[in-house]
Amino acid sequence: MDDTSIRIEKVLQLVEDLKDIESNLRTINVEKIEDEEAILIMAILDIIAAIKLPDVHILPQNIIGEA
């Protein structure tokens, strides 16, 4: 696998990780946490939303290498 494929794979993984973080943060019951924590969660969600994450699906390495 060449450098470009490795970098693409890392970016795709980061996008998936951000989507997971966003999903997890959205499931938190904000009524049961402190105001400061709620503000932080909302700020993180705003940042993630501003990134406009694309819909991506991570493919096995051998497929990415051939693409």
PDB file of N, CA and C in Angstrom:
ATOM      1  N   MET A   1       0.863  -1.180   0.000  1.00  0.00           N
ATOM      2  CA  MET A   1       0.000   0.000   0.000  1.00  0.00           C
ATOM      3  C   MET A   1       0.905   1.238   0.000  1.00  0.00           C
ATOM      4  N   ASP A   2       0.612   2.185  -0.884  1.00  0.00           N
ATOM      5  CA  ASP A   2       1.449   3.377  -0.965  1.00  0.00           C
ATOM      6  C   ASP A   2       1.022   4.424   0.064  1.00  0.00           C
ATOM      7  N   ASP A   3       1.823   5.502   0.162  1.00  0.00           N
ATOM      8  CA  ASP A   3       1.568   6.568   1.147  1.00  0.00           C
ATOM      9  C   ASP A   3       0.195   7.200   0.989  1.00  0.00           C
ATOM     10  N   THR A   4      -0.217   7.418  -0.260  1.00  0.00           N
ATOM     11  CA  THR A   4      -1.513   8.060  -0.502  1.00  0.00           C
ATOM     12  C   THR A   4      -2.652   7.202   0.024  1.00  0.00           C
ATOM     13  N   SER A   5      -2.588   5.913  -0.225  1.00  0.00           N
ATOM     14  CA  SER A   5      -3.639   5.010   0.257  1.00  0.00           C
ATOM     15  C   SER A   5      -3.692   4.985   1.776  1.00  0.00           C
ATOM     16  N   ILE A   6      -2.519   5.011   2.398  1.00  0.00           N
ATOM     17  CA  ILE A   6      -2.464   5.009   3.862  1.00  0.00           C
ATOM     18  C   ILE A   6      -3.069   6.293   4.412  1.00  0.00           C
ATOM     19  N   ARG A   7      -2.738   7.436   3.793  1.00  0.00           N
ATOM     20  CA  ARG A   7      -3.296   8.716   4.242  1.00  0.00           C
ATOM     21  C   ARG A   7      -4.805   8.758   4.047  1.00  0.00           C
ATOM     22  N   ILE A   8      -5.281   8.273   2.920  1.00  0.00           N
ATOM     23  CA  ILE A   8      -6.727   8.240   2.667  1.00  0.00           C
ATOM     24  C   ILE A   8      -7.416   7.383   3.715  1.00  0.00           C
ATOM     25  N   GLU A   9      -6.835   6.239   4.011  1.00  0.00           N
ATOM     26  CA  GLU A   9      -7.417   5.346   5.014  1.00  0.00           C
ATOM     27  C   GLU A   9      -7.478   6.029   6.380  1.00  0.00           C
ATOM     28  N   LYS A  10      -6.433   6.763   6.746  1.00  0.00           N
ATOM     29  CA  LYS A  10      -6.418   7.466   8.033  1.00  0.00           C
ATOM     30  C   LYS A  10      -7.479   8.555   8.079  1.00  0.00           C
ATOM     31  N   VAL A  11      -7.643   9.297   6.984  1.00  0.00           N
ATOM     32  CA  VAL A  11      -8.665  10.344   6.937  1.00  0.00           C
ATOM     33  C   VAL A  11     -10.055   9.732   7.051  1.00  0.00           C
ATOM     34  N   LEU A  12     -10.290   8.651   6.333  1.00  0.00           N
ATOM     35  CA  LEU A  12     -11.590   7.986   6.407  1.00  0.00           C
ATOM     36  C   LEU A  12     -11.877   7.503   7.824  1.00  0.00           C
ATOM     37  N   GLN A  13     -10.858   6.982   8.495  1.00  0.00           N
ATOM     38  CA  GLN A  13     -11.031   6.523   9.872  1.00  0.00           C
ATOM     39  C   GLN A  13     -11.336   7.697  10.792  1.00  0.00           C
ATOM     40  N   LEU A  14     -10.669   8.831  10.585  1.00  0.00           N
ATOM     41  CA  LEU A  14     -10.941  10.020  11.400  1.00  0.00           C
ATOM     42  C   LEU A  14     -12.373  10.503  11.210  1.00  0.00           C
ATOM     43  N   VAL A  15     -12.863  10.476   9.981  1.00  0.00           N
ATOM     44  CA  VAL A  15     -14.245  10.880   9.714  1.00  0.00           C
ATOM     45  C   VAL A  15     -15.210   9.955  10.446  1.00  0.00           C
ATOM     46  N   GLU A  16     -14.971   8.660  10.360  1.00  0.00           N
ATOM     47  CA  GLU A  16     -15.831   7.703  11.057  1.00  0.00           C
ATOM     48  C   GLU A  16     -15.767   7.921  12.572  1.00  0.00           C
ATOM     49  N   ASP A  17     -14.568   8.187  13.099  1.00  0.00           N
ATOM     50  CA  ASP A  17     -14.415   8.438  14.534  1.00  0.00           C
ATOM     51  C   ASP A  17     -15.192   9.679  14.962  1.00  0.00           C
ATOM     52  N   LEU A  18     -15.121  10.749  14.164  1.00  0.00           N
ATOM     53  CA  LEU A  18     -15.873  11.966  14.488  1.00  0.00           C
ATOM     54  C   LEU A  18     -17.373  11.712  14.469  1.00  0.00           C
ATOM     55  N   LYS A  19     -17.820  10.907  13.525  1.00  0.00           N
ATOM     56  CA  LYS A  19     -19.250  10.581  13.465  1.00  0.00           C
ATOM     57  C   LYS A  19     -19.665   9.784  14.702  1.00  0.00           C
ATOM     58  N   ASP A  20     -18.804   8.869  15.145  1.00  0.00           N
ATOM     59  CA  ASP A  20     -19.094   8.101  16.358  1.00  0.00           C
ATOM     60  C   ASP A  20     -19.153   9.020  17.575  1.00  0.00           C
ATOM     61  N   ILE A  21     -18.207   9.947  17.667  1.00  0.00           N
ATOM     62  CA  ILE A  21     -18.198  10.900  18.783  1.00  0.00           C
ATOM     63  C   ILE A  21     -19.479  11.719  18.777  1.00  0.00           C
ATOM     64  N   GLU A  22     -19.854  12.199  17.601  1.00  0.00           N
ATOM     65  CA  GLU A  22     -21.080  12.994  17.482  1.00  0.00           C
ATOM     66  C   GLU A  22     -22.292  12.182  17.927  1.00  0.00           C
ATOM     67  N   SER A  23     -22.375  10.953  17.476  1.00  0.00           N
ATOM     68  CA  SER A  23     -23.496  10.091  17.843  1.00  0.00           C
ATOM     69  C   SER A  23     -23.535   9.852  19.349  1.00  0.00           C
ATOM     70  N   ASN A  24     -22.378   9.584  19.936  1.00  0.00           N
ATOM     71  CA  ASN A  24     -22.316   9.348  21.381  1.00  0.00           C
ATOM     72  C   ASN A  24     -22.705  10.589  22.174  1.00  0.00           C
ATOM     73  N   LEU A  25     -22.240  11.752  21.737  1.00  0.00           N
ATOM     74  CA  LEU A  25     -22.574  12.989  22.446  1.00  0.00           C
ATOM     75  C   LEU A  25     -24.067  13.286  22.364  1.00  0.00           C
ATOM     76  N   ARG A  26     -24.679  12.955  21.242  1.00  0.00           N
ATOM     77  CA  ARG A  26     -26.109  13.231  21.080  1.00  0.00           C
ATOM     78  C   ARG A  26     -26.983  12.325  21.956  1.00  0.00           C
ATOM     79  N   THR A  27     -26.431  11.210  22.419  1.00  0.00           N
ATOM     80  CA  THR A  27     -27.211  10.299  23.260  1.00  0.00           C
ATOM     81  C   THR A  27     -27.131  10.643  24.745  1.00  0.00           C
ATOM     82  N   ILE A  28     -26.288  11.608  25.106  1.00  0.00           N
ATOM     83  CA  ILE A  28     -26.153  11.996  26.514  1.00  0.00           C
ATOM     84  C   ILE A  28     -27.402  12.752  26.957  1.00  0.00           C
ATOM     85  N   ASN A  29     -27.912  12.395  28.110  1.00  0.00           N
ATOM     86  CA  ASN A  29     -29.068  13.097  28.668  1.00  0.00           C
ATOM     87  C   ASN A  29     -28.561  14.371  29.332  1.00  0.00           C
ATOM     88  N   VAL A  30     -28.722  15.498  28.640  1.00  0.00           N
ATOM     89  CA  VAL A  30     -28.153  16.753  29.132  1.00  0.00           C
ATOM     90  C   VAL A  30     -28.833  17.264  30.395  1.00  0.00           C
ATOM     91  N   GLU A  31     -29.994  16.735  30.721  1.00  0.00           N
ATOM     92  CA  GLU A  31     -30.674  17.168  31.942  1.00  0.00           C
ATOM     93  C   GLU A  31     -29.955  16.672  33.193  1.00  0.00           C
ATOM     94  N   LYS A  32     -29.132  15.644  33.047  1.00  0.00           N
ATOM     95  CA  LYS A  32     -28.477  15.042  34.208  1.00  0.00           C
ATOM     96  C   LYS A  32     -27.015  15.448  34.354  1.00  0.00           C
ATOM     97  N   ILE A  33     -26.559  16.430  33.583  1.00  0.00           N
ATOM     98  CA  ILE A  33     -25.169  16.859  33.695  1.00  0.00           C
ATOM     99  C   ILE A  33     -25.103  18.343  34.039  1.00  0.00           C
ATOM    100  N   GLU A  34     -23.939  18.770  34.449  1.00  0.00           N
ATOM    101  CA  GLU A  34     -23.724  20.165  34.840  1.00  0.00           C
ATOM    102  C   GLU A  34     -23.812  21.088  33.627  1.00  0.00           C
ATOM    103  N   ASP A  35     -24.133  22.349  33.890  1.00  0.00           N
ATOM    104  CA  ASP A  35     -24.254  23.331  32.808  1.00  0.00           C
ATOM    105  C   ASP A  35     -22.963  23.462  31.998  1.00  0.00           C
ATOM    106  N   GLU A  36     -21.814  23.463  32.688  1.00  0.00           N
ATOM    107  CA  GLU A  36     -20.540  23.613  31.992  1.00  0.00           C
ATOM    108  C   GLU A  36     -20.303  22.448  31.040  1.00  0.00           C
ATOM    109  N   GLU A  37     -20.667  21.243  31.478  1.00  0.00           N
ATOM    110  CA  GLU A  37     -20.504  20.068  30.626  1.00  0.00           C
ATOM    111  C   GLU A  37     -21.436  20.139  29.422  1.00  0.00           C
ATOM    112  N   ALA A  38     -22.654  20.601  29.640  1.00  0.00           N
ATOM    113  CA  ALA A  38     -23.615  20.731  28.540  1.00  0.00           C
ATOM    114  C   ALA A  38     -23.117  21.745  27.516  1.00  0.00           C
ATOM    115  N   ILE A  39     -22.552  22.846  27.999  1.00  0.00           N
ATOM    116  CA  ILE A  39     -22.009  23.865  27.092  1.00  0.00           C
ATOM    117  C   ILE A  39     -20.865  23.280  26.268  1.00  0.00           C
ATOM    118  N   LEU A  40     -19.997  22.507  26.904  1.00  0.00           N
ATOM    119  CA  LEU A  40     -18.879  21.884  26.201  1.00  0.00           C
ATOM    120  C   LEU A  40     -19.382  20.899  25.148  1.00  0.00           C
ATOM    121  N   ILE A  41     -20.348  20.078  25.506  1.00  0.00           N
ATOM    122  CA  ILE A  41     -20.908  19.107  24.558  1.00  0.00           C
ATOM    123  C   ILE A  41     -21.519  19.823  23.355  1.00  0.00           C
ATOM    124  N   MET A  42     -22.270  20.876  23.608  1.00  0.00           N
ATOM    125  CA  MET A  42     -22.892  21.619  22.511  1.00  0.00           C
ATOM    126  C   MET A  42     -21.824  22.276  21.625  1.00  0.00           C
ATOM    127  N   ALA A  43     -20.755  22.761  22.233  1.00  0.00           N
ATOM    128  CA  ALA A  43     -19.675  23.374  21.455  1.00  0.00           C
ATOM    129  C   ALA A  43     -19.000  22.339  20.557  1.00  0.00           C
ATOM    130  N   ILE A  44     -18.756  21.151  21.099  1.00  0.00           N
ATOM    131  CA  ILE A  44     -18.140  20.082  20.305  1.00  0.00           C
ATOM    132  C   ILE A  44     -19.054  19.694  19.147  1.00  0.00           C
ATOM    133  N   LEU A  45     -20.351  19.568  19.414  1.00  0.00           N
ATOM    134  CA  LEU A  45     -21.298  19.227  18.350  1.00  0.00           C
ATOM    135  C   LEU A  45     -21.341  20.311  17.281  1.00  0.00           C
ATOM    136  N   ASP A  46     -21.256  21.570  17.696  1.00  0.00           N
ATOM    137  CA  ASP A  46     -21.230  22.670  16.725  1.00  0.00           C
ATOM    138  C   ASP A  46     -19.990  22.589  15.834  1.00  0.00           C
ATOM    139  N   ILE A  47     -18.855  22.269  16.434  1.00  0.00           N
ATOM    140  CA  ILE A  47     -17.611  22.151  15.665  1.00  0.00           C
ATOM    141  C   ILE A  47     -17.718  21.009  14.664  1.00  0.00           C
ATOM    142  N   ILE A  48     -18.207  19.854  15.125  1.00  0.00           N
ATOM    143  CA  ILE A  48     -18.357  18.708  14.226  1.00  0.00           C
ATOM    144  C   ILE A  48     -19.327  19.043  13.098  1.00  0.00           C
ATOM    145  N   ALA A  49     -20.424  19.712  13.413  1.00  0.00           N
ATOM    146  CA  ALA A  49     -21.402  20.083  12.383  1.00  0.00           C
ATOM    147  C   ALA A  49     -20.789  21.040  11.363  1.00  0.00           C
ATOM    148  N   ALA A  50     -19.904  21.920  11.811  1.00  0.00           N
ATOM    149  CA  ALA A  50     -19.272  22.878  10.909  1.00  0.00           C
ATOM    150  C   ALA A  50     -18.323  22.202   9.924  1.00  0.00           C
ATOM    151  N   ILE A  51     -17.821  21.030  10.290  1.00  0.00           N
ATOM    152  CA  ILE A  51     -16.889  20.315   9.419  1.00  0.00           C
ATOM    153  C   ILE A  51     -17.617  19.726   8.205  1.00  0.00           C
ATOM    154  N   LYS A  52     -18.915  19.489   8.318  1.00  0.00           N
ATOM    155  CA  LYS A  52     -19.713  18.909   7.231  1.00  0.00           C
ATOM    156  C   LYS A  52     -19.098  17.592   6.773  1.00  0.00           C
ATOM    157  N   LEU A  53     -19.114  16.625   7.652  1.00  0.00           N
ATOM    158  CA  LEU A  53     -18.505  15.335   7.369  1.00  0.00           C
ATOM    159  C   LEU A  53     -19.193  14.639   6.200  1.00  0.00           C
ATOM    160  N   PRO A  54     -18.409  14.101   5.283  1.00  0.00           N
ATOM    161  CA  PRO A  54     -19.008  13.371   4.160  1.00  0.00           C
ATOM    162  C   PRO A  54     -19.457  11.985   4.607  1.00  0.00           C
ATOM    163  N   ASP A  55     -20.337  11.391   3.842  1.00  0.00           N
ATOM    164  CA  ASP A  55     -20.707  10.005   4.093  1.00  0.00           C
ATOM    165  C   ASP A  55     -19.620   9.132   3.491  1.00  0.00           C
ATOM    166  N   VAL A  56     -18.915   8.413   4.349  1.00  0.00           N
ATOM    167  CA  VAL A  56     -17.848   7.537   3.867  1.00  0.00           C
ATOM    168  C   VAL A  56     -18.005   6.183   4.519  1.00  0.00           C
ATOM    169  N   HIS A  57     -17.472   5.207   3.848  1.00  0.00           N
ATOM    170  CA  HIS A  57     -17.457   3.855   4.380  1.00  0.00           C
ATOM    171  C   HIS A  57     -16.048   3.321   4.191  1.00  0.00           C
ATOM    172  N   ILE A  58     -15.494   2.783   5.249  1.00  0.00           N
ATOM    173  CA  ILE A  58     -14.127   2.286   5.190  1.00  0.00           C
ATOM    174  C   ILE A  58     -14.134   0.926   4.516  1.00  0.00           C
ATOM    175  N   LEU A  59     -13.290   0.800   3.524  1.00  0.00           N
ATOM    176  CA  LEU A  59     -13.170  -0.449   2.790  1.00  0.00           C
ATOM    177  C   LEU A  59     -11.972  -1.223   3.319  1.00  0.00           C
ATOM    178  N   PRO A  60     -11.969  -2.529   3.133  1.00  0.00           N
ATOM    179  CA  PRO A  60     -10.789  -3.305   3.524  1.00  0.00           C
ATOM    180  C   PRO A  60      -9.547  -2.789   2.796  1.00  0.00           C
ATOM    181  N   GLN A  61      -8.392  -2.961   3.407  1.00  0.00           N
ATOM    182  CA  GLN A  61      -7.141  -2.435   2.857  1.00  0.00           C
ATOM    183  C   GLN A  61      -6.885  -2.893   1.428  1.00  0.00           C
ATOM    184  N   ASN A  62      -7.175  -4.142   1.140  1.00  0.00           N
ATOM    185  CA  ASN A  62      -6.864  -4.631  -0.199  1.00  0.00           C
ATOM    186  C   ASN A  62      -7.709  -3.939  -1.264  1.00  0.00           C
ATOM    187  N   ILE A  63      -8.923  -3.538  -0.925  1.00  0.00           N
ATOM    188  CA  ILE A  63      -9.768  -2.837  -1.894  1.00  0.00           C
ATOM    189  C   ILE A  63      -9.277  -1.399  -2.062  1.00  0.00           C
ATOM    190  N   ILE A  64      -8.940  -0.726  -0.951  1.00  0.00           N
ATOM    191  CA  ILE A  64      -8.435   0.647  -1.037  1.00  0.00           C
ATOM    192  C   ILE A  64      -7.143   0.666  -1.857  1.00  0.00           C
ATOM    193  N   GLY A  65      -6.296  -0.323  -1.649  1.00  0.00           N
ATOM    194  CA  GLY A  65      -5.039  -0.382  -2.379  1.00  0.00           C
ATOM    195  C   GLY A  65      -5.236  -0.537  -3.879  1.00  0.00           C
ATOM    196  N   GLU A  66      -6.323  -1.184  -4.280  1.00  0.00           N
ATOM    197  CA  GLU A  66      -6.585  -1.408  -5.697  1.00  0.00           C
ATOM    198  C   GLU A  66      -7.360  -0.269  -6.323  1.00  0.00           C
ATOM    199  N   ALA A  67      -7.994   0.563  -5.500  1.00  0.00           N
ATOM    200  CA  ALA A  67      -8.866   1.618  -6.039  1.00  0.00           C
ATOM    201  C   ALA A  67      -8.084   2.688  -6.763  1.00  0.00           C
TER     202      ALA A  67
END
